[in-house]
Amino acid sequence: MQLAEDLPSIEGDRVELQQVLLNLIINALEAMGSLEGTRHVQVSTGEADGAGVVVTVRDSGPGFGPNGAEHAFNAFYTTKATGLGMGLSICRSIIDAHGGRLWVGESTPRGAAVQFTVPLHASPML
């Protein structure tokens, strides 16, 4: 955990935002499930250009693979053998409803990074 201190308060549906974070952490853990050796999941927070808060979940798994990041939010797209392909799509809907943004990328030297922002005055519309 690398949690920034003195972040501004945000408004939003606590349960929905917890669900997003939980889903991202579970995805990271599942992505590394078949790896041998050391595995890392890092959750970090920071200020998003003074307009809100950014949360990042990084793992040391295989990443999204070729073209995987561009399809990650498509319903029913998954890189996991037992995945449904709905988790990231639902997470994006929740973050969008809070006025934020959710995106994915690769982590260095390997793995995936999923980030989302929540503005200071988020108001869930779900």
Foldseek 3Di string as FASTA:
>chain_A
DAEDPPFAAADDDPVLVVLLVVLLVVVQCQLCVPPPDDKDWDWYKDQDVVFFIKIKIWIQGAALPPPRQVCLQPQQDDPDPPDRSHSNVSNQLQLVQQVKGWGKDADPPGTIMIMMTGGRYGYGDD
